[in-house]
C-alpha atoms as a PDB file:
ATOM      1  CA  MET A   1      -4.610  -6.295 -12.245  1.00  0.00           C
ATOM      2  CA  SER A   2      -8.300  -6.727 -13.107  1.00  0.00           C
ATOM      3  CA  GLY A   3     -10.258  -5.432 -16.052  1.00  0.00           C
ATOM      4  CA  GLY A   4     -13.163  -3.065 -15.464  1.00  0.00           C
ATOM      5  CA  ARG A   5     -14.786  -3.296 -12.055  1.00  0.00           C
ATOM      6  CA  SER A   6     -12.791  -3.868  -8.877  1.00  0.00           C
ATOM      7  CA  VAL A   7     -12.636  -7.184  -7.105  1.00  0.00           C
ATOM      8  CA  TYR A   8     -11.365  -8.014  -3.635  1.00  0.00           C
ATOM      9  CA  ALA A   9      -9.578 -10.595  -1.529  1.00  0.00           C
ATOM     10  CA  LEU A  10      -9.453 -11.182   2.225  1.00  0.00           C
ATOM     11  CA  PHE A  11      -6.247 -11.862   4.143  1.00  0.00           C
ATOM     12  CA  ASP A  12      -5.246 -12.507   7.742  1.00  0.00           C
ATOM     13  CA  THR A  13      -2.964 -10.168   9.697  1.00  0.00           C
ATOM     14  CA  ALA A  14      -1.799  -9.650  13.264  1.00  0.00           C
ATOM     15  CA  ILE A  15      -4.666  -7.183  13.775  1.00  0.00           C
ATOM     16  CA  GLY A  16      -7.356  -9.394  12.225  1.00  0.00           C
ATOM     17  CA  ARG A  17      -8.884 -10.207   8.852  1.00  0.00           C
ATOM     18  CA  CYS A  18      -8.268  -7.432   6.341  1.00  0.00           C
ATOM     19  CA  GLY A  19      -9.190  -7.022   2.701  1.00  0.00           C
ATOM     20  CA  VAL A  20      -7.895  -5.381  -0.428  1.00  0.00           C
ATOM     21  CA  ALA A  21      -9.756  -4.344  -3.568  1.00  0.00           C
ATOM     22  CA  TRP A  22      -8.122  -3.701  -6.905  1.00  0.00           C
ATOM     23  CA  GLY A  23      -8.887  -2.751 -10.463  1.00  0.00           C
ATOM     24  CA  GLU A  24      -6.959  -2.343 -13.678  1.00  0.00           C
ATOM     25  CA  HIS A  25      -5.070   0.739 -12.415  1.00  0.00           C
ATOM     26  CA  GLY A  26      -3.989  -0.521  -8.981  1.00  0.00           C
ATOM     27  CA  ILE A  27      -5.333  -1.015  -5.492  1.00  0.00           C
ATOM     28  CA  THR A  28      -8.639   0.786  -5.031  1.00  0.00           C
ATOM     29  CA  ALA A  29      -9.115   0.095  -1.314  1.00  0.00           C
ATOM     30  CA  VAL A  30      -7.688  -1.561   1.772  1.00  0.00           C
ATOM     31  CA  GLN A  31     -10.160  -2.639   4.415  1.00  0.00           C
ATOM     32  CA  LEU A  32      -8.959  -2.970   7.992  1.00  0.00           C
ATOM     33  CA  PRO A  33     -10.788  -5.418  10.262  1.00  0.00           C
ATOM     34  CA  GLU A  34     -14.218  -4.427  11.396  1.00  0.00           C
ATOM     35  CA  ARG A  35     -15.646  -5.802  14.649  1.00  0.00           C
ATOM     36  CA  THR A  36     -16.816  -8.921  12.808  1.00  0.00           C
ATOM     37  CA  GLU A  37     -15.594 -10.628   9.663  1.00  0.00           C
ATOM     38  CA  SER A  38     -19.066 -10.310   8.135  1.00  0.00           C
ATOM     39  CA  ALA A  39     -18.872  -6.524   8.584  1.00  0.00           C
ATOM     40  CA  THR A  40     -15.450  -6.496   6.892  1.00  0.00           C
ATOM     41  CA  VAL A  41     -16.813  -8.539   3.975  1.00  0.00           C
ATOM     42  CA  ALA A  42     -19.908  -6.312   3.719  1.00  0.00           C
ATOM     43  CA  ARG A  43     -17.682  -3.248   3.280  1.00  0.00           C
ATOM     44  CA  LEU A  44     -15.604  -5.021   0.630  1.00  0.00           C
ATOM     45  CA  ARG A  45     -18.619  -6.166  -1.397  1.00  0.00           C
ATOM     46  CA  ARG A  46     -19.126  -2.607  -2.613  1.00  0.00           C
ATOM     47  CA  TYR A  47     -15.976  -3.211  -4.677  1.00  0.00           C
ATOM     48  CA  GLY A  48     -17.373  -6.224  -6.493  1.00  0.00           C
ATOM     49  CA  THR A  49     -16.809  -9.900  -5.901  1.00  0.00           C
ATOM     50  CA  GLU A  50     -14.103 -11.905  -4.194  1.00  0.00           C
ATOM     51  CA  ALA A  51     -11.325 -13.094  -6.498  1.00  0.00           C
ATOM     52  CA  GLU A  52      -7.865 -14.599  -6.481  1.00  0.00           C
ATOM     53  CA  PRO A  53      -5.365 -11.715  -6.408  1.00  0.00           C
ATOM     54  CA  PRO A  54      -2.947 -11.293  -9.305  1.00  0.00           C
ATOM     55  CA  ALA A  55       0.802 -11.336  -8.553  1.00  0.00           C
ATOM     56  CA  ALA A  56       1.146  -7.600  -7.830  1.00  0.00           C
ATOM     57  CA  VAL A  57      -1.756  -7.642  -5.368  1.00  0.00           C
ATOM     58  CA  ALA A  58      -0.580 -10.895  -3.773  1.00  0.00           C
ATOM     59  CA  THR A  59       2.806  -9.244  -3.213  1.00  0.00           C
ATOM     60  CA  ALA A  60       1.094  -6.179  -1.692  1.00  0.00           C
ATOM     61  CA  ILE A  61      -0.880  -8.477   0.644  1.00  0.00           C
ATOM     62  CA  THR A  62       2.326 -10.234   1.722  1.00  0.00           C
ATOM     63  CA  ARG A  63       4.001  -6.905   2.407  1.00  0.00           C
ATOM     64  CA  MET A  64       1.029  -5.429   4.322  1.00  0.00           C
ATOM     65  CA  THR A  65       0.854  -8.599   6.413  1.00  0.00           C
ATOM     66  CA  ALA A  66       4.592  -8.413   7.128  1.00  0.00           C
ATOM     67  CA  LEU A  67       4.305  -4.744   8.123  1.00  0.00           C
ATOM     68  CA  LEU A  68       1.542  -5.652  10.570  1.00  0.00           C
ATOM     69  CA  ASP A  69       3.852  -8.380  11.938  1.00  0.00           C
ATOM     70  CA  GLY A  70       6.445  -5.725  12.748  1.00  0.00           C
ATOM     71  CA  GLU A  71       8.650  -5.751   9.637  1.00  0.00           C
ATOM     72  CA  ARG A  72       9.854  -2.393   8.353  1.00  0.00           C
ATOM     73  CA  ASP A  73       8.435  -1.642   4.898  1.00  0.00           C
ATOM     74  CA  ASP A  74       7.202   1.758   3.756  1.00  0.00           C
ATOM     75  CA  LEU A  75       4.971   0.262   0.998  1.00  0.00           C
ATOM     76  CA  THR A  76       5.531   3.419  -1.083  1.00  0.00           C
ATOM     77  CA  ASP A  77       5.940   1.506  -4.336  1.00  0.00           C
ATOM     78  CA  ILE A  78       2.564  -0.252  -4.089  1.00  0.00           C
ATOM     79  CA  VAL A  79       0.393   1.146  -6.866  1.00  0.00           C
ATOM     80  CA  VAL A  80      -2.920   2.653  -5.793  1.00  0.00           C
ATOM     81  CA  ASP A  81      -5.682   3.923  -8.054  1.00  0.00           C
ATOM     82  CA  PRO A  82      -6.497   7.512  -7.028  1.00  0.00           C
ATOM     83  CA  ASP A  83      -9.373   7.884  -9.497  1.00  0.00           C
ATOM     84  CA  GLY A  84     -12.005  10.246  -8.148  1.00  0.00           C
ATOM     85  CA  LEU A  85     -10.059  11.468  -5.120  1.00  0.00           C
ATOM     86  CA  PRO A  86      -9.788  15.234  -4.600  1.00  0.00           C
ATOM     87  CA  GLU A  87      -6.426  16.868  -5.324  1.00  0.00           C
ATOM     88  CA  PHE A  88      -6.108  17.987  -1.690  1.00  0.00           C
ATOM     89  CA  ASP A  89      -6.510  14.399  -0.471  1.00  0.00           C
ATOM     90  CA  LEU A  90      -3.851  13.216  -2.938  1.00  0.00           C
ATOM     91  CA  ARG A  91      -1.404  15.817  -1.616  1.00  0.00           C
ATOM     92  CA  VAL A  92      -2.123  14.734   1.985  1.00  0.00           C
ATOM     93  CA  HIS A  93      -1.721  11.061   1.011  1.00  0.00           C
ATOM     94  CA  ALA A  94       1.671  11.783  -0.590  1.00  0.00           C
ATOM     95  CA  ILE A  95       2.945  13.313   2.647  1.00  0.00           C
ATOM     96  CA  ALA A  96       1.525  10.448   4.735  1.00  0.00           C
ATOM     97  CA  ARG A  97       3.169   7.882   2.445  1.00  0.00           C
ATOM     98  CA  ALA A  98       6.536   9.541   3.069  1.00  0.00           C
ATOM     99  CA  ILE A  99       6.324   8.932   6.863  1.00  0.00           C
ATOM    100  CA  PRO A 100       8.509   5.899   7.591  1.00  0.00           C
ATOM    101  CA  PRO A 101       7.267   3.064   9.813  1.00  0.00           C
ATOM    102  CA  GLY A 102       7.993   3.863  13.453  1.00  0.00           C
ATOM    103  CA  GLU A 103       7.662   7.619  12.911  1.00  0.00           C
ATOM    104  CA  THR A 104       4.735  10.012  13.113  1.00  0.00           C
ATOM    105  CA  LEU A 105       3.719  13.527  12.161  1.00  0.00           C
ATOM    106  CA  THR A 106       0.904  15.628  13.565  1.00  0.00           C
ATOM    107  CA  TYR A 107      -2.022  16.871  11.499  1.00  0.00           C
ATOM    108  CA  GLY A 108      -0.535  20.363  11.901  1.00  0.00           C
ATOM    109  CA  GLU A 109       2.871  19.213  10.624  1.00  0.00           C
ATOM    110  CA  VAL A 110       1.231  17.684   7.546  1.00  0.00           C
ATOM    111  CA  ALA A 111      -0.656  20.960   7.009  1.00  0.00           C
ATOM    112  CA  ALA A 112       2.611  22.896   7.253  1.00  0.00           C
ATOM    113  CA  LYS A 113       4.281  20.540   4.736  1.00  0.00           C
ATOM    114  CA  LEU A 114       1.371  21.284   2.381  1.00  0.00           C
ATOM    115  CA  GLY A 115       2.128  24.989   2.778  1.00  0.00           C
ATOM    116  CA  LEU A 116      -1.274  25.413   4.392  1.00  0.00           C
ATOM    117  CA  PRO A 117      -0.684  26.054   8.089  1.00  0.00           C
ATOM    118  CA  GLY A 118      -3.957  26.143   9.951  1.00  0.00           C
ATOM    119  CA  SER A 119      -5.514  23.391   7.823  1.00  0.00           C
ATOM    120  CA  ALA A 120      -4.950  20.548  10.323  1.00  0.00           C
ATOM    121  CA  GLN A 121      -8.677  19.788  10.483  1.00  0.00           C
ATOM    122  CA  ALA A 122      -8.886  19.490   6.686  1.00  0.00           C
ATOM    123  CA  VAL A 123      -5.860  17.176   6.782  1.00  0.00           C
ATOM    124  CA  GLY A 124      -7.669  14.997   9.332  1.00  0.00           C
ATOM    125  CA  GLN A 125     -10.761  14.881   7.139  1.00  0.00           C
ATOM    126  CA  ALA A 126      -8.694  13.908   4.088  1.00  0.00           C
ATOM    127  CA  LEU A 127      -7.054  11.105   6.059  1.00  0.00           C
ATOM    128  CA  GLY A 128     -10.474  10.004   7.325  1.00  0.00           C
ATOM    129  CA  ARG A 129     -11.467   9.486   3.673  1.00  0.00           C
ATOM    130  CA  ASN A 130      -8.289   7.508   2.915  1.00  0.00           C
ATOM    131  CA  PRO A 131      -9.407   4.429   0.961  1.00  0.00           C
ATOM    132  CA  TYR A 132      -6.094   2.603   1.448  1.00  0.00           C
ATOM    133  CA  PRO A 133      -5.074   2.565   5.127  1.00  0.00           C
ATOM    134  CA  ILE A 134      -1.756   0.801   5.737  1.00  0.00           C
ATOM    135  CA  VAL A 135      -0.585   1.536   2.164  1.00  0.00           C
ATOM    136  CA  VAL A 136      -1.302   5.224   2.804  1.00  0.00           C
ATOM    137  CA  PRO A 137      -0.382   5.133   6.508  1.00  0.00           C
ATOM    138  CA  CYS A 138      -2.922   7.545   7.961  1.00  0.00           C
ATOM    139  CA  HIS A 139      -2.325   5.867  11.337  1.00  0.00           C
ATOM    140  CA  ARG A 140       1.063   7.632  11.454  1.00  0.00           C
ATOM    141  CA  VAL A 141      -0.581  11.062  11.699  1.00  0.00           C
ATOM    142  CA  LEU A 142      -1.462  12.184  15.211  1.00  0.00           C
ATOM    143  CA  GLY A 143      -3.163  15.104  16.873  1.00  0.00           C
ATOM    144  CA  ALA A 144      -1.276  17.879  18.616  1.00  0.00           C
ATOM    145  CA  ASN A 145       1.002  16.794  21.477  1.00  0.00           C
ATOM    146  CA  GLY A 146       0.931  13.177  20.287  1.00  0.00           C
ATOM    147  CA  ARG A 147      -2.789  12.713  20.912  1.00  0.00           C
ATOM    148  CA  VAL A 148      -4.200   9.825  18.922  1.00  0.00           C
ATOM    149  CA  GLY A 149      -6.841  11.808  17.078  1.00  0.00           C
ATOM    150  CA  GLY A 150      -9.503  10.079  15.036  1.00  0.00           C
ATOM    151  CA  PHE A 151      -9.330   6.847  13.120  1.00  0.00           C
ATOM    152  CA  SER A 152     -12.241   5.580  11.080  1.00  0.00           C
ATOM    153  CA  ALA A 153     -11.202   1.941  10.672  1.00  0.00           C
ATOM    154  CA  GLY A 154     -12.110  -1.057  12.786  1.00  0.00           C
ATOM    155  CA  ASP A 155     -12.181  -0.172  16.472  1.00  0.00           C
ATOM    156  CA  GLY A 156     -11.100   3.403  15.763  1.00  0.00           C
ATOM    157  CA  ALA A 157      -8.342   4.730  18.021  1.00  0.00           C
ATOM    158  CA  VAL A 158      -7.739   1.259  19.483  1.00  0.00           C
ATOM    159  CA  THR A 159      -6.833  -0.040  16.001  1.00  0.00           C
ATOM    160  CA  LYS A 160      -4.654   3.015  15.352  1.00  0.00           C
ATOM    161  CA  LEU A 161      -2.786   2.506  18.643  1.00  0.00           C
ATOM    162  CA  ARG A 162      -2.353  -1.182  17.937  1.00  0.00           C
ATOM    163  CA  ILE A 163      -0.758  -0.520  14.545  1.00  0.00           C
ATOM    164  CA  LEU A 164       1.448   2.239  15.966  1.00  0.00           C
ATOM    165  CA  GLY A 165       2.536  -0.118  18.745  1.00  0.00           C
ATOM    166  CA  ILE A 166       3.480  -2.799  16.210  1.00  0.00           C
ATOM    167  CA  GLU A 167       5.561  -0.190  14.380  1.00  0.00           C
ATOM    168  CA  GLY A 168       7.158   1.030  17.630  1.00  0.00           C
ATOM    169  CA  ALA A 169       5.617   4.484  17.349  1.00  0.00           C
ATOM    170  CA  ALA A 170       2.956   4.503  20.073  1.00  0.00           C
ATOM    171  CA  PRO A 171       2.248   8.074  21.243  1.00  0.00           C
ATOM    172  CA  GLY A 172       4.244   8.908  24.353  1.00  0.00           C
ATOM    173  CA  GLY A 173       5.895   5.495  24.040  1.00  0.00           C
ATOM    174  CA  GLN A 174       2.949   3.695  25.606  1.00  0.00           C
ATOM    175  CA  PRO A 175      -0.393   2.882  23.998  1.00  0.00           C
ATOM    176  CA  SER A 176      -3.377   4.063  25.991  1.00  0.00           C
ATOM    177  CA  LEU A 177      -7.028   3.370  25.422  1.00  0.00           C
ATOM    178  CA  PHE A 178      -7.854   6.755  26.945  1.00  0.00           C
ATOM    179  CA  ASP A 179      -5.947   9.135  24.642  1.00  0.00           C
END
């Protein structure tokens, strides 16, 4: 990977220009497209400078791009660096990573899998802090009754619906901008 401080690379996908940051212990962040490329780059600059990705990161980029082109890949073997993340978030991320492409869970179902029924809001907050969307597929977690719920990346719920549609898991079978 990279020694010391993280570095990042940009890459093109079906949903727009994304980015990935990495350090010596794995991927430290995935950046989904913001409204402009300059906004995407500005968010990535907090991870250091742009660099050529090493083989493991280049492979992760290829796989994320393929997933966003509709290929089935759970990305569970991509190494992420969880340094500094709260234990609760790590537990939520582990459950989210186990959701296969094309499937979803609700925030309440994730809470129940944690053994903490009634903590759906905390699950949503943990997913909102997810530094590696796509690799940790927070987009596959929905509100009650298949409602989209929040999404902090890019164009928010529109981006979430777009990714779910690519995976064939749009809530209610049809994406809606008004969910």
